[in-house]
Structure formats: C-alpha cells, structure tokens
Amino acid sequence: MLRDERGTATVWTAVAVAGLLGVASLLFALGAVVLTRHRASGAADLAALAAAGRAESGEGACGAAEVVATEMGARVTGCRFDGWDALVEVEADVPGGWGAVSAHARAGPVARRTASAAVNGATVVEDGRSVPRGERSPPPRG
C-alpha cells in the first residue's frame, strides 16, 4: 500500500455517511409533509361537518368549524356556504419550518331518496341527481 493512499477509506466512509444522513433527513421532511397533509384533510372534514351541523340554526356555523380545526392543530382560512353545503378550507404548519399545507372539504345534508326510476333501477334523489350504484337500494320486487 502506498503511503499517499492512507486514510482514503475514512474519507469515503465519511462522505457515504453524510450522504445517507442527507437522504434520511429528506425522507423525514417528506414524511412530515405527508402526515401534516393527512391531518389537515381530517381537520377540514371535521370542520365542514361541524359547520354543516350548525347551518340550520344560522348562527356560529363557521365559529364551530374554527373551534374544531383549532383543536386539531389547523386554522380555518375560508368558510362559506353553497346552499346548505358548508365549504371549509384549512391550513396547517409542517413541523420543522417546511411551510404549510392546505386542505378543503364540503359537507351538507344527505339528500333523501324519493323515487325509483323505472329504467335500470336507478334511484333519483330530491334534487334530481342520480345516486351512485353502490348506494342504490335494491329494485322493488313485483
């Protein structure tokens, strides 16, 4: 072994360890962003449900959404109604100073099924929309 090459394995090992630590920290940051995004989505869903639950009384609907979002570690950035549907937007900070993620949700009353169509057994709801196949009740026997 030549005298000039002594210690090169140590240098390469240090570079490899630094590279692995860099990749691990990037994966950690990505995991934090994904986790925060899922939590913000859950906060938006529950905040929209809270607002929709108070929509009939007409008071404090968006306030209820803010309370729920705050308890879940997010903040409401938008709350409005489209008819009886509550539309809520929330934002949550990613740990480690990686910025913030946002999510939105819609919640409202369930449409009642009022009549069955004679063709294809499709169920039509009050507002004229067709119910997805998985939510249809079986056709009447007759």
C-alpha atoms as a PDB file:
ATOM      1  CA  MET A   1       0.000   0.000   0.000  1.00  0.00           C
ATOM      2  CA  LEU A   2       1.381   3.385  -0.925  1.00  0.00           C
ATOM      3  CA  ARG A   3       1.850   5.983   1.734  1.00  0.00           C
ATOM      4  CA  ASP A   4      -0.174   8.561  -0.244  1.00  0.00           C
ATOM      5  CA  GLU A   5      -3.383   6.497  -0.087  1.00  0.00           C
ATOM      6  CA  ARG A   6      -3.592   6.079   3.657  1.00  0.00           C
ATOM      7  CA  GLY A   7      -6.878   7.387   5.087  1.00  0.00           C
ATOM      8  CA  THR A   8      -8.836   7.436   1.829  1.00  0.00           C
ATOM      9  CA  ALA A   9     -11.257   4.803   3.145  1.00  0.00           C
ATOM     10  CA  THR A  10     -12.026   7.085   6.076  1.00  0.00           C
ATOM     11  CA  VAL A  11     -12.781   9.968   3.725  1.00  0.00           C
ATOM     12  CA  TRP A  12     -15.054   7.812   1.543  1.00  0.00           C
ATOM     13  CA  THR A  13     -16.841   6.463   4.616  1.00  0.00           C
ATOM     14  CA  ALA A  14     -17.413   9.979   5.920  1.00  0.00           C
ATOM     15  CA  VAL A  15     -18.825  11.048   2.541  1.00  0.00           C
ATOM     16  CA  ALA A  16     -21.106   7.993   2.420  1.00  0.00           C
ATOM     17  CA  VAL A  17     -22.386   8.612   5.960  1.00  0.00           C
ATOM     18  CA  ALA A  18     -23.033  12.286   5.151  1.00  0.00           C
ATOM     19  CA  GLY A  19     -24.946  11.249   2.016  1.00  0.00           C
ATOM     20  CA  LEU A  20     -27.053   8.745   3.930  1.00  0.00           C
ATOM     21  CA  LEU A  21     -27.840  11.339   6.593  1.00  0.00           C
ATOM     22  CA  GLY A  22     -28.898  13.782   3.873  1.00  0.00           C
ATOM     23  CA  VAL A  23     -31.225  11.232   2.260  1.00  0.00           C
ATOM     24  CA  ALA A  24     -32.652  10.280   5.668  1.00  0.00           C
ATOM     25  CA  SER A  25     -33.374  13.901   6.550  1.00  0.00           C
ATOM     26  CA  LEU A  26     -35.111  14.466   3.200  1.00  0.00           C
ATOM     27  CA  LEU A  27     -37.253  11.372   3.769  1.00  0.00           C
ATOM     28  CA  PHE A  28     -38.082  12.626   7.258  1.00  0.00           C
ATOM     29  CA  ALA A  29     -39.146  16.004   5.849  1.00  0.00           C
ATOM     30  CA  LEU A  30     -41.283  14.340   3.163  1.00  0.00           C
ATOM     31  CA  GLY A  31     -42.936  12.154   5.803  1.00  0.00           C
ATOM     32  CA  ALA A  32     -43.699  15.223   7.920  1.00  0.00           C
ATOM     33  CA  VAL A  33     -45.315  16.966   4.951  1.00  0.00           C
ATOM     34  CA  VAL A  34     -47.444  13.921   4.065  1.00  0.00           C
ATOM     35  CA  LEU A  35     -48.516  13.400   7.688  1.00  0.00           C
ATOM     36  CA  THR A  36     -49.437  17.066   8.093  1.00  0.00           C
ATOM     37  CA  ARG A  37     -51.407  16.945   4.819  1.00  0.00           C
ATOM     38  CA  HIS A  38     -53.445  13.999   6.088  1.00  0.00           C
ATOM     39  CA  ARG A  39     -54.076  15.731   9.412  1.00  0.00           C
ATOM     40  CA  ALA A  40     -55.160  18.917   7.620  1.00  0.00           C
ATOM     41  CA  SER A  41     -57.524  16.884   5.453  1.00  0.00           C
ATOM     42  CA  GLY A  42     -59.083  15.301   8.548  1.00  0.00           C
ATOM     43  CA  ALA A  43     -59.377  18.700  10.211  1.00  0.00           C
ATOM     44  CA  ALA A  44     -61.093  20.102   7.108  1.00  0.00           C
ATOM     45  CA  ASP A  45     -63.548  17.197   7.014  1.00  0.00           C
ATOM     46  CA  LEU A  46     -64.500  17.528  10.668  1.00  0.00           C
ATOM     47  CA  ALA A  47     -64.669  21.323  10.496  1.00  0.00           C
ATOM     48  CA  ALA A  48     -67.011  21.123   7.500  1.00  0.00           C
ATOM     49  CA  LEU A  49     -69.209  18.641   9.362  1.00  0.00           C
ATOM     50  CA  ALA A  50     -69.283  20.939  12.393  1.00  0.00           C
ATOM     51  CA  ALA A  51     -70.274  23.905  10.226  1.00  0.00           C
ATOM     52  CA  ALA A  52     -72.927  21.892   8.376  1.00  0.00           C
ATOM     53  CA  GLY A  53     -74.338  20.707  11.703  1.00  0.00           C
ATOM     54  CA  ARG A  54     -74.925  24.306  12.732  1.00  0.00           C
ATOM     55  CA  ALA A  55     -76.153  25.514   9.334  1.00  0.00           C
ATOM     56  CA  GLU A  56     -79.824  25.136  10.204  1.00  0.00           C
ATOM     57  CA  SER A  57     -79.607  27.417  13.236  1.00  0.00           C
ATOM     58  CA  GLY A  58     -77.865  30.055  11.127  1.00  0.00           C
ATOM     59  CA  GLU A  59     -75.557  31.138  13.931  1.00  0.00           C
ATOM     60  CA  GLY A  60     -71.993  30.195  14.735  1.00  0.00           C
ATOM     61  CA  ALA A  61     -71.539  27.670  11.950  1.00  0.00           C
ATOM     62  CA  CYS A  62     -68.109  28.939  10.886  1.00  0.00           C
ATOM     63  CA  GLY A  63     -67.220  29.517  14.532  1.00  0.00           C
ATOM     64  CA  ALA A  64     -67.845  25.829  15.191  1.00  0.00           C
ATOM     65  CA  ALA A  65     -65.599  24.973  12.246  1.00  0.00           C
ATOM     66  CA  GLU A  66     -62.837  27.177  13.678  1.00  0.00           C
ATOM     67  CA  VAL A  67     -63.076  25.524  17.096  1.00  0.00           C
ATOM     68  CA  VAL A  68     -62.786  22.037  15.601  1.00  0.00           C
ATOM     69  CA  ALA A  69     -59.908  22.982  13.297  1.00  0.00           C
ATOM     70  CA  THR A  70     -58.018  24.689  16.130  1.00  0.00           C
ATOM     71  CA  GLU A  71     -58.411  21.631  18.353  1.00  0.00           C
ATOM     72  CA  MET A  72     -56.896  19.554  15.543  1.00  0.00           C
ATOM     73  CA  GLY A  73     -53.902  21.851  15.106  1.00  0.00           C
ATOM     74  CA  ALA A  74     -55.069  23.670  11.983  1.00  0.00           C
ATOM     75  CA  ARG A  75     -56.555  27.063  11.218  1.00  0.00           C
ATOM     76  CA  VAL A  76     -59.558  27.914   9.082  1.00  0.00           C
ATOM     77  CA  THR A  77     -58.659  30.056   6.082  1.00  0.00           C
ATOM     78  CA  GLY A  78     -62.086  30.002   4.475  1.00  0.00           C
ATOM     79  CA  CYS A  79     -65.621  29.112   5.472  1.00  0.00           C
ATOM     80  CA  ARG A  80     -68.698  29.716   3.336  1.00  0.00           C
ATOM     81  CA  PHE A  81     -71.969  28.112   2.389  1.00  0.00           C
ATOM     82  CA  ASP A  82     -73.202  26.996  -1.004  1.00  0.00           C
ATOM     83  CA  GLY A  83     -76.872  26.460  -0.290  1.00  0.00           C
ATOM     84  CA  TRP A  84     -76.891  24.061   2.660  1.00  0.00           C
ATOM     85  CA  ASP A  85     -73.374  22.776   1.955  1.00  0.00           C
ATOM     86  CA  ALA A  86     -70.531  24.052   4.136  1.00  0.00           C
ATOM     87  CA  LEU A  87     -67.265  24.663   2.263  1.00  0.00           C
ATOM     88  CA  VAL A  88     -64.277  24.868   4.616  1.00  0.00           C
ATOM     89  CA  GLU A  89     -60.608  25.461   3.854  1.00  0.00           C
ATOM     90  CA  VAL A  90     -57.917  24.887   6.481  1.00  0.00           C
ATOM     91  CA  GLU A  91     -54.165  25.312   6.691  1.00  0.00           C
ATOM     92  CA  ALA A  92     -51.648  23.560   8.959  1.00  0.00           C
ATOM     93  CA  ASP A  93     -47.953  24.237   9.544  1.00  0.00           C
ATOM     94  CA  VAL A  94     -45.475  21.462   8.775  1.00  0.00           C
ATOM     95  CA  PRO A  95     -43.107  20.785  11.707  1.00  0.00           C
ATOM     96  CA  GLY A  96     -39.540  21.855  11.103  1.00  0.00           C
ATOM     97  CA  GLY A  97     -40.372  25.045   9.243  1.00  0.00           C
ATOM     98  CA  TRP A  98     -41.125  23.362   5.912  1.00  0.00           C
ATOM     99  CA  GLY A  99     -44.075  25.663   5.242  1.00  0.00           C
ATOM    100  CA  ALA A 100     -47.784  24.961   5.451  1.00  0.00           C
ATOM    101  CA  VAL A 101     -50.219  22.611   3.759  1.00  0.00           C
ATOM    102  CA  SER A 102     -53.856  23.275   2.998  1.00  0.00           C
ATOM    103  CA  ALA A 103     -56.955  21.162   2.576  1.00  0.00           C
ATOM    104  CA  HIS A 104     -60.607  21.769   1.839  1.00  0.00           C
ATOM    105  CA  ALA A 105     -63.820  19.876   2.466  1.00  0.00           C
ATOM    106  CA  ARG A 106     -67.518  20.081   1.743  1.00  0.00           C
ATOM    107  CA  ALA A 107     -70.312  18.797   3.973  1.00  0.00           C
ATOM    108  CA  GLY A 108     -74.047  19.139   3.859  1.00  0.00           C
ATOM    109  CA  PRO A 109     -77.307  17.344   4.418  1.00  0.00           C
ATOM    110  CA  VAL A 110     -77.878  13.952   2.906  1.00  0.00           C
ATOM    111  CA  ALA A 111     -80.304  14.030   0.005  1.00  0.00           C
ATOM    112  CA  ARG A 112     -83.367  11.855   0.563  1.00  0.00           C
ATOM    113  CA  ARG A 113     -84.289   9.214  -1.959  1.00  0.00           C
ATOM    114  CA  THR A 114     -87.749   9.958  -3.207  1.00  0.00           C
ATOM    115  CA  ALA A 115     -88.474   7.841  -6.242  1.00  0.00           C
ATOM    116  CA  SER A 116     -87.105   4.922  -8.172  1.00  0.00           C
ATOM    117  CA  ALA A 117     -86.705   5.263 -11.890  1.00  0.00           C
ATOM    118  CA  ALA A 118     -88.223   2.522 -13.990  1.00  0.00           C
ATOM    119  CA  VAL A 119     -85.191   2.308 -16.232  1.00  0.00           C
ATOM    120  CA  ASN A 120     -82.098   0.451 -14.953  1.00  0.00           C
ATOM    121  CA  GLY A 121     -83.335   0.607 -11.366  1.00  0.00           C
ATOM    122  CA  ALA A 122     -81.636   3.971 -10.826  1.00  0.00           C
ATOM    123  CA  THR A 123     -82.631   5.911  -7.750  1.00  0.00           C
ATOM    124  CA  VAL A 124     -83.282   9.623  -8.181  1.00  0.00           C
ATOM    125  CA  VAL A 125     -82.905  11.966  -5.243  1.00  0.00           C
ATOM    126  CA  GLU A 126     -84.796  15.122  -4.380  1.00  0.00           C
ATOM    127  CA  ASP A 127     -82.505  17.460  -6.299  1.00  0.00           C
ATOM    128  CA  GLY A 128     -82.614  15.335  -9.464  1.00  0.00           C
ATOM    129  CA  ARG A 129     -79.172  13.752  -9.177  1.00  0.00           C
ATOM    130  CA  SER A 130     -78.688  10.054  -9.696  1.00  0.00           C
ATOM    131  CA  VAL A 131     -77.356   8.075  -6.734  1.00  0.00           C
ATOM    132  CA  PRO A 132     -74.087   6.153  -7.372  1.00  0.00           C
ATOM    133  CA  ARG A 133     -74.572   2.427  -7.984  1.00  0.00           C
ATOM    134  CA  GLY A 134     -73.019   1.381  -4.642  1.00  0.00           C
ATOM    135  CA  GLU A 135     -75.555   3.490  -2.707  1.00  0.00           C
ATOM    136  CA  ARG A 136     -78.674   2.283  -4.536  1.00  0.00           C
ATOM    137  CA  SER A 137     -81.274   0.253  -2.768  1.00  0.00           C
ATOM    138  CA  PRO A 138     -82.386  -2.958  -4.467  1.00  0.00           C
ATOM    139  CA  PRO A 139     -85.142  -2.572  -7.067  1.00  0.00           C
ATOM    140  CA  PRO A 140     -88.666  -3.338  -5.868  1.00  0.00           C
ATOM    141  CA  ARG A 141     -89.903  -6.878  -6.497  1.00  0.00           C
ATOM    142  CA  GLY A 142     -93.041  -7.091  -8.149  1.00  0.00           C
END
